[in-house]
Amino acid sequence: MKLRVLTPVHIGSGEKVTRATYYHEGNRVYVLDLDIVQRALGTWRAGQFFDRVALGMEQQGLDHFLKGPGISPRERDTIGRNLKETASYSLSAPHGIPGEFSTFIKASGTPPAPYIPATEIKGALRTAVIYRLLKQDRERGGKTWQSIQRRLTESGPSRSLVQQMEAGLLRDRRDALYDVLKFLWLPDSRPVPLSALYVGKVEVISGTGKRIPIWCELLRPCVVEFHGEAHPPSPWMESSRRELAMNTHQATKAFVLESAWAFSKDLLEDYGPAGKELAAQNTPERPLLRLGKHKGYLASTVGLLLKEAGLLGRIAATYPRRSRTGLFPASLYEVRGPAGDGPVPPGWARLEEW
C-alpha cells in the first residue's frame, strides 16, 4: 500500500510544544524536554527561568529569556550550543514560530519517527463510504436521510445524530454488533524521515474573512509506504453475516475506492482553483483522501449533502448563534509549503497503490 501526500498534512499526537520547551534559531526549531533545559541553563538559571514561566512573566519563552539582562553573549552562545546538541529533535521552521505548536504523531525512538497510522486512512475511507451510502439514501427518499433532516431542524448536530446515521447506513438491525468496515484491515505506514516534517501554520478562514493561525508540525508532500498489504473486509462477510449489515458488494475494495473518489470529487468543488488542481488527480482507481486535522465529519457528510439539496441555509437558519448561516464549508483552511508555495487546502493525499 502506498500513499502520495499532495498538500501538507498534520496528524496530531495530542501534544504541544510550548515556548519553554523549544529553542528557535534562524529557520530551525530545537524541541527539548524540561531536563534538557535545566541541564543547559544550570540550576540557578533554570530556577530563574521556570519561576518566571510559572508567574506568567516569561510569555515569550526560552529565546527571549536568553536575550535578557544578566546573560552575556558568550554565556548565551554556550547555552544555545548545548540546547542544540542535546535536543530531542529539530525541524525546519521557515515561517518562524510565534508561540506553541502541535506535534505530529511519531513512533518512539532516537530520533522519533513520524508515521501515518492505519486509523487515519481507515477513518478517511469510512467517511467516504458513509457519504456515498447517505447520498444514495437521500436520492431514494430513505428513512435515514429523512430522520437526519428532522433531527437537525429540531435539535442540531450531536453525537447521537452521528450514531444514528452510522447505524442506519452500516447496519441492518439496531442490535448489530459491528458494521462491516470494522473488518477493514489496514497497516500503519513505514516511518518517514524526520526531515519530511516542518513547522508551519494552517490558517482557519471564518465567514467574515478573519484568519486564525494554528501552528503545527506538518508533513510535506512525499510518498509514504505502508507495512504489508491492506485487506478489504469482504473475506469476513460470510462468517459474520449475523453482525454485519452492508451488502457484500458494499464491502469490496472497488466499492470503497469508488466511494473515496466520489466523496473527494464532490468535496473539492468548493475549494476554488486549488481544488480544481487536486480534483484533476482524483480517479476511481487512485482516489484522493483528506487526512488529519481540519476536516469536520458531520460537515463533510451531512453538510455537503444538505448544500447539494439546497437545504443547508434553511436548516442553519434555525441556529441564530451560528455566524456562517447556510455557508459550506463552515470554515476554510489554507496552508503554505515549506518554500512558501500555495496556499492550498491542507491534508490531501492520493492512494497510489492498494
Protein backbone atom coordinates (compact mmCIF):
# COMPACT_ATOMS: atom_id res chain seq x y z
CA MET A 1 0.00 0.00 0.00
CA LYS A 2 1.36 3.41 -0.98
CA LEU A 3 0.13 6.97 -0.38
CA ARG A 4 1.32 10.17 -2.05
CA VAL A 5 0.90 13.27 0.13
CA LEU A 6 -0.11 16.14 -2.16
CA THR A 7 -0.57 19.03 0.29
CA PRO A 8 0.94 19.48 3.79
CA VAL A 9 -0.88 17.42 6.39
CA HIS A 10 -0.98 17.48 10.19
CA ILE A 11 -1.88 14.28 12.05
CA GLY A 12 -1.73 15.27 15.68
CA SER A 13 -0.23 13.37 18.58
CA GLY A 14 -2.37 15.31 21.07
CA GLU A 15 0.70 17.06 22.47
CA LYS A 16 2.04 20.59 22.14
CA VAL A 17 5.49 22.12 22.36
CA THR A 18 5.41 25.29 24.44
CA ARG A 19 7.73 28.27 24.39
CA ALA A 20 9.50 26.85 27.42
CA THR A 21 10.46 23.63 25.64
CA TYR A 22 11.87 24.72 22.31
CA TYR A 23 14.81 26.80 21.18
CA HIS A 24 14.45 28.73 17.92
CA GLU A 25 17.49 29.87 15.99
CA GLY A 26 17.40 31.09 12.41
CA ASN A 27 14.92 28.96 10.46
CA ARG A 28 15.24 25.92 12.73
CA VAL A 29 13.48 24.88 15.93
CA TYR A 30 15.02 22.53 18.51
CA VAL A 31 12.49 20.55 20.57
CA LEU A 32 13.56 19.99 24.17
CA ASP A 33 12.32 18.32 27.32
CA LEU A 34 12.48 20.03 30.69
CA ASP A 35 15.52 18.03 31.85
CA ILE A 36 17.48 19.22 28.81
CA VAL A 37 16.52 22.83 29.51
CA GLN A 38 17.52 22.51 33.17
CA ARG A 39 20.92 20.96 32.39
CA ALA A 40 21.71 23.51 29.67
CA LEU A 41 20.73 26.52 31.81
CA GLY A 42 22.24 25.25 35.05
CA THR A 43 20.44 25.03 38.38
CA TRP A 44 20.31 28.73 39.13
CA ARG A 45 19.37 29.96 35.64
CA ALA A 46 16.81 27.15 35.25
CA GLY A 47 15.15 28.06 38.55
CA GLN A 48 15.01 31.68 37.49
CA PHE A 49 13.52 30.80 34.10
CA PHE A 50 10.88 28.34 35.37
CA ASP A 51 9.85 30.74 38.14
CA ARG A 52 9.23 33.44 35.54
CA VAL A 53 7.25 30.98 33.37
CA ALA A 54 5.11 29.89 36.37
CA LEU A 55 4.38 33.53 37.23
CA GLY A 56 3.43 34.38 33.65
CA MET A 57 6.37 36.75 33.32
CA GLU A 58 8.12 34.85 30.52
CA GLN A 59 5.42 34.51 27.88
CA GLN A 60 7.91 34.90 25.05
CA GLY A 61 9.77 31.75 26.08
CA LEU A 62 13.33 30.49 26.18
CA ASP A 63 14.61 32.55 23.25
CA HIS A 64 13.53 35.79 24.92
CA PHE A 65 14.93 34.75 28.30
CA LEU A 66 18.40 34.12 26.86
CA LYS A 67 18.44 37.62 25.36
CA GLY A 68 17.55 39.21 28.70
CA PRO A 69 19.78 41.22 31.05
CA GLY A 70 22.43 39.39 33.04
CA ILE A 71 23.29 36.84 30.32
CA SER A 72 26.43 37.66 28.40
CA PRO A 73 26.76 36.91 24.66
CA ARG A 74 29.36 34.25 25.48
CA GLU A 75 27.08 32.52 28.01
CA ARG A 76 24.16 32.78 25.60
CA ASP A 77 26.18 31.11 22.83
CA THR A 78 27.29 28.32 25.16
CA ILE A 79 23.73 27.63 26.36
CA GLY A 80 22.39 27.76 22.80
CA ARG A 81 25.02 25.29 21.60
CA ASN A 82 24.19 22.89 24.46
CA LEU A 83 20.47 23.12 23.71
CA LYS A 84 21.01 22.32 20.03
CA GLU A 85 23.34 19.41 20.74
CA THR A 86 21.03 17.76 23.28
CA ALA A 87 17.63 18.49 21.69
CA SER A 88 15.23 15.58 21.25
CA TYR A 89 14.93 16.54 17.58
CA SER A 90 14.99 19.59 15.34
CA LEU A 91 12.84 20.71 12.42
CA SER A 92 12.81 23.38 9.77
CA ALA A 93 10.68 26.40 10.69
CA PRO A 94 10.82 28.53 7.52
CA HIS A 95 7.94 30.83 8.52
CA GLY A 96 9.02 31.48 12.12
CA ILE A 97 7.19 30.41 15.29
CA PRO A 98 5.27 33.00 17.31
CA GLY A 99 4.19 30.60 20.07
CA GLU A 100 3.38 26.99 20.88
CA PHE A 101 2.77 24.38 18.19
CA SER A 102 1.12 20.95 17.97
CA THR A 103 3.26 17.89 17.25
CA PHE A 104 2.84 15.27 14.53
CA ILE A 105 2.31 11.67 15.65
CA LYS A 106 5.59 9.76 15.93
CA ALA A 107 6.84 6.34 16.97
CA SER A 108 9.25 6.39 19.91
CA GLY A 109 12.93 6.30 19.13
CA THR A 110 16.02 8.47 18.78
CA PRO A 111 15.16 10.48 16.85
CA PRO A 112 11.38 9.89 16.95
CA ALA A 113 9.92 8.63 13.66
CA PRO A 114 6.82 10.26 12.11
CA TYR A 115 4.27 7.91 10.54
CA ILE A 116 0.67 7.80 9.32
CA PRO A 117 -1.45 5.47 11.49
CA ALA A 118 -3.79 2.95 9.89
CA THR A 119 -6.71 4.53 11.75
CA GLU A 120 -6.22 7.75 9.77
CA ILE A 121 -6.61 6.00 6.41
CA LYS A 122 -9.43 3.81 7.68
CA GLY A 123 -11.29 6.84 9.03
CA ALA A 124 -10.99 8.66 5.68
CA LEU A 125 -12.28 5.63 3.76
CA ARG A 126 -15.09 5.02 6.25
CA THR A 127 -16.25 8.65 5.98
CA ALA A 128 -16.30 8.34 2.18
CA VAL A 129 -18.39 5.14 2.31
CA ILE A 130 -20.85 6.73 4.75
CA TYR A 131 -21.17 9.77 2.47
CA ARG A 132 -21.89 7.57 -0.55
CA LEU A 133 -24.48 5.48 1.30
CA LEU A 134 -26.13 8.59 2.73
CA LYS A 135 -26.28 10.16 -0.73
CA GLN A 136 -27.93 7.01 -2.11
CA ASP A 137 -30.38 7.05 0.79
CA ARG A 138 -31.23 10.70 0.09
CA GLU A 139 -31.81 10.04 -3.61
CA ARG A 140 -34.36 7.31 -2.88
CA GLY A 141 -36.01 9.22 -0.02
CA GLY A 142 -34.75 6.80 2.58
CA LYS A 143 -35.65 6.83 6.26
CA THR A 144 -32.12 7.63 7.46
CA TRP A 145 -31.89 10.85 5.41
CA GLN A 146 -35.38 11.97 6.39
CA SER A 147 -34.64 11.30 10.06
CA ILE A 148 -31.39 13.31 9.89
CA GLN A 149 -33.17 16.31 8.40
CA ARG A 150 -35.80 16.16 11.11
CA ARG A 151 -33.22 15.84 13.90
CA LEU A 152 -31.15 18.74 12.58
CA THR A 153 -34.18 21.01 12.43
CA GLU A 154 -35.29 20.09 15.93
CA SER A 155 -32.03 19.92 17.91
CA GLY A 156 -28.97 20.50 15.71
CA PRO A 157 -25.83 18.38 15.27
CA SER A 158 -24.96 15.96 18.08
CA ARG A 159 -23.05 12.78 18.86
CA SER A 160 -26.31 10.84 18.94
CA LEU A 161 -27.03 12.05 15.40
CA VAL A 162 -23.71 10.56 14.26
CA GLN A 163 -24.54 7.25 15.94
CA GLN A 164 -28.00 7.21 14.37
CA MET A 165 -26.57 7.93 10.91
CA GLU A 166 -23.93 5.23 11.11
CA ALA A 167 -26.35 2.64 12.50
CA GLY A 168 -28.88 3.38 9.77
CA LEU A 169 -26.34 3.17 6.96
CA LEU A 170 -23.91 0.46 8.03
CA ARG A 171 -26.15 -1.94 9.96
CA ASP A 172 -29.45 -3.55 9.08
CA ARG A 173 -30.52 -4.16 12.70
CA ARG A 174 -30.35 -1.97 15.78
CA ASP A 175 -28.76 -4.81 17.75
CA ALA A 176 -26.00 -5.42 15.18
CA LEU A 177 -22.67 -5.62 16.97
CA TYR A 178 -20.43 -4.36 14.18
CA ASP A 179 -20.64 -2.62 10.84
CA VAL A 180 -18.68 -4.17 8.01
CA LEU A 181 -15.96 -1.52 7.94
CA LYS A 182 -14.78 -2.65 11.36
CA PHE A 183 -13.32 -5.60 9.46
CA LEU A 184 -11.29 -3.49 7.03
CA TRP A 185 -7.66 -4.21 7.92
CA LEU A 186 -5.03 -1.59 7.14
CA PRO A 187 -1.40 -1.37 8.24
CA ASP A 188 0.40 1.60 9.77
CA SER A 189 2.80 3.35 7.43
CA ARG A 190 6.51 2.82 7.50
CA PRO A 191 8.34 5.64 9.30
CA VAL A 192 9.06 8.69 7.18
CA PRO A 193 12.27 10.69 7.63
CA LEU A 194 12.09 13.36 10.30
CA SER A 195 13.30 15.80 7.64
CA ALA A 196 9.92 15.37 5.91
CA LEU A 197 8.33 17.41 8.72
CA TYR A 198 8.45 21.17 9.15
CA VAL A 199 6.77 23.64 11.49
CA GLY A 200 4.23 25.84 9.74
CA LYS A 201 0.82 27.35 10.13
CA VAL A 202 -2.63 26.33 8.98
CA GLU A 203 -4.93 29.34 8.65
CA VAL A 204 -8.61 28.99 9.52
CA ILE A 205 -10.68 31.44 7.47
CA SER A 206 -14.04 32.31 9.02
CA GLY A 207 -17.14 33.52 7.20
CA THR A 208 -16.19 37.12 7.97
CA GLY A 209 -12.77 36.62 6.37
CA LYS A 210 -10.91 36.60 9.69
CA ARG A 211 -7.79 34.43 9.62
CA ILE A 212 -6.83 32.41 12.69
CA PRO A 213 -3.37 30.79 12.57
CA ILE A 214 -2.81 27.31 14.00
CA TRP A 215 0.85 26.36 14.27
CA CYS A 216 1.77 22.69 13.97
CA GLU A 217 4.23 20.15 12.63
CA LEU A 218 3.33 19.39 9.02
CA LEU A 219 4.29 16.52 6.73
CA ARG A 220 5.40 17.97 3.43
CA PRO A 221 4.43 16.35 0.08
CA CYS A 222 6.12 12.96 -0.22
CA VAL A 223 5.46 9.27 -0.87
CA VAL A 224 4.55 7.16 2.18
CA GLU A 225 4.69 3.36 2.10
CA PHE A 226 2.81 1.03 4.43
CA HIS A 227 3.75 -2.22 6.16
CA GLY A 228 2.23 -5.26 4.44
CA GLU A 229 -0.99 -5.44 2.45
CA ALA A 230 -4.36 -3.86 3.16
CA HIS A 231 -7.31 -6.24 3.12
CA PRO A 232 -10.92 -5.29 2.31
CA PRO A 233 -13.48 -6.67 4.72
CA SER A 234 -15.25 -8.97 2.25
CA PRO A 235 -13.38 -12.21 3.25
CA TRP A 236 -15.03 -11.99 6.64
CA MET A 237 -18.52 -11.28 5.35
CA GLU A 238 -19.99 -14.77 5.18
CA SER A 239 -18.83 -15.79 8.66
CA SER A 240 -20.14 -12.56 10.17
CA ARG A 241 -23.47 -12.06 8.40
CA ARG A 242 -25.39 -12.02 11.66
CA GLU A 243 -23.43 -9.00 12.92
CA LEU A 244 -22.92 -7.12 9.66
CA ALA A 245 -25.41 -5.13 7.69
CA MET A 246 -24.00 -3.95 4.37
CA ASN A 247 -24.49 -5.98 1.24
CA THR A 248 -21.44 -7.96 0.16
CA HIS A 249 -20.69 -5.69 -2.82
CA GLN A 250 -20.50 -2.69 -0.49
CA ALA A 251 -17.59 -4.27 1.34
CA THR A 252 -15.42 -4.84 -1.71
CA LYS A 253 -12.24 -2.95 -2.48
CA ALA A 254 -13.78 -1.45 -5.63
CA PHE A 255 -16.75 -0.04 -3.71
CA VAL A 256 -14.51 1.54 -1.06
CA LEU A 257 -12.18 3.11 -3.67
CA GLU A 258 -15.09 4.42 -5.77
CA SER A 259 -16.64 5.90 -2.63
CA ALA A 260 -13.40 7.75 -1.84
CA TRP A 261 -13.24 9.09 -5.39
CA ALA A 262 -16.86 10.28 -5.38
CA PHE A 263 -16.58 11.91 -1.97
CA SER A 264 -13.39 13.81 -2.85
CA LYS A 265 -14.87 14.85 -6.21
CA ASP A 266 -17.91 16.45 -4.55
CA LEU A 267 -15.90 17.97 -1.71
CA LEU A 268 -13.29 19.65 -3.93
CA GLU A 269 -15.91 21.55 -5.93
CA ASP A 270 -15.99 24.17 -3.15
CA TYR A 271 -12.23 24.77 -2.96
CA GLY A 272 -11.60 27.12 -5.90
CA PRO A 273 -8.59 26.85 -8.25
CA ALA A 274 -6.54 24.79 -5.78
CA GLY A 275 -9.45 22.36 -5.51
CA LYS A 276 -9.62 22.02 -9.31
CA GLU A 277 -5.93 21.16 -9.49
CA LEU A 278 -6.37 18.49 -6.85
CA ALA A 279 -9.56 17.15 -8.47
CA ALA A 280 -7.64 16.58 -11.71
CA GLN A 281 -5.55 13.98 -9.84
CA ASN A 282 -8.58 12.14 -8.42
CA THR A 283 -9.60 8.87 -10.14
CA PRO A 284 -11.69 5.85 -9.09
CA GLU A 285 -8.57 3.67 -9.21
CA ARG A 286 -6.35 6.14 -7.34
CA PRO A 287 -8.69 8.32 -5.28
CA LEU A 288 -7.80 11.31 -3.15
CA LEU A 289 -8.23 11.17 0.62
CA ARG A 290 -8.42 14.04 3.07
CA LEU A 291 -6.35 13.29 6.15
CA GLY A 292 -5.50 14.81 9.50
CA LYS A 293 -6.98 17.65 11.42
CA HIS A 294 -9.30 20.33 9.98
CA LYS A 295 -11.84 18.12 8.20
CA GLY A 296 -15.17 18.10 10.11
CA TYR A 297 -17.01 14.77 9.98
CA LEU A 298 -20.65 15.90 10.03
CA ALA A 299 -19.96 18.98 7.91
CA SER A 300 -18.23 16.82 5.28
CA THR A 301 -21.03 14.27 5.04
CA VAL A 302 -24.39 15.67 6.10
CA GLY A 303 -23.45 19.31 5.46
CA LEU A 304 -22.27 18.68 1.91
CA LEU A 305 -25.43 16.76 1.02
CA LEU A 306 -27.64 19.44 2.58
CA LYS A 307 -25.88 22.01 0.41
CA GLU A 308 -26.42 19.91 -2.72
CA ALA A 309 -30.12 19.57 -1.87
CA GLY A 310 -30.45 23.34 -1.26
CA LEU A 311 -31.41 22.74 2.38
CA LEU A 312 -28.34 23.96 4.25
CA GLY A 313 -29.47 27.57 4.58
CA ARG A 314 -32.96 26.65 5.73
CA ILE A 315 -31.73 24.31 8.44
CA ALA A 316 -28.81 26.51 9.52
CA ALA A 317 -31.21 29.43 9.93
CA THR A 318 -32.71 27.66 12.94
CA TYR A 319 -29.41 28.29 14.80
CA PRO A 320 -29.18 32.09 15.23
CA ARG A 321 -25.92 31.88 17.17
CA ARG A 322 -24.02 30.50 14.20
CA SER A 323 -22.36 33.22 12.14
CA ARG A 324 -21.92 31.26 8.88
CA THR A 325 -25.61 30.52 8.30
CA GLY A 326 -26.05 28.50 5.12
CA LEU A 327 -22.40 28.54 4.09
CA PHE A 328 -20.38 25.44 3.19
CA PRO A 329 -17.82 24.65 4.29
CA ALA A 330 -18.33 26.42 7.63
CA SER A 331 -14.64 27.32 7.71
CA LEU A 332 -11.92 27.23 5.05
CA TYR A 333 -8.37 26.13 5.74
CA GLU A 334 -5.20 27.13 3.93
CA VAL A 335 -1.57 26.12 4.33
CA ARG A 336 1.69 27.04 2.64
CA GLY A 337 4.51 24.66 1.88
CA PRO A 338 8.00 24.98 3.38
CA ALA A 339 9.15 27.08 0.43
CA GLY A 340 6.17 29.43 0.76
CA ASP A 341 4.28 27.80 -2.11
CA GLY A 342 0.50 27.82 -2.02
CA PRO A 343 -1.84 28.49 -0.40
CA VAL A 344 -3.53 25.10 -0.73
CA PRO A 345 -6.11 23.18 1.34
CA PRO A 346 -4.24 21.00 3.86
CA GLY A 347 -4.34 17.24 4.25
CA TRP A 348 -4.87 15.90 0.72
CA ALA A 349 -3.22 12.68 -0.41
CA ARG A 350 -3.67 10.16 -3.21
CA LEU A 351 -3.94 6.43 -2.63
CA GLU A 352 -1.38 5.26 -5.18
CA GLU A 353 -1.45 1.52 -4.54
CA TRP A 354 -3.68 -0.88 -2.64
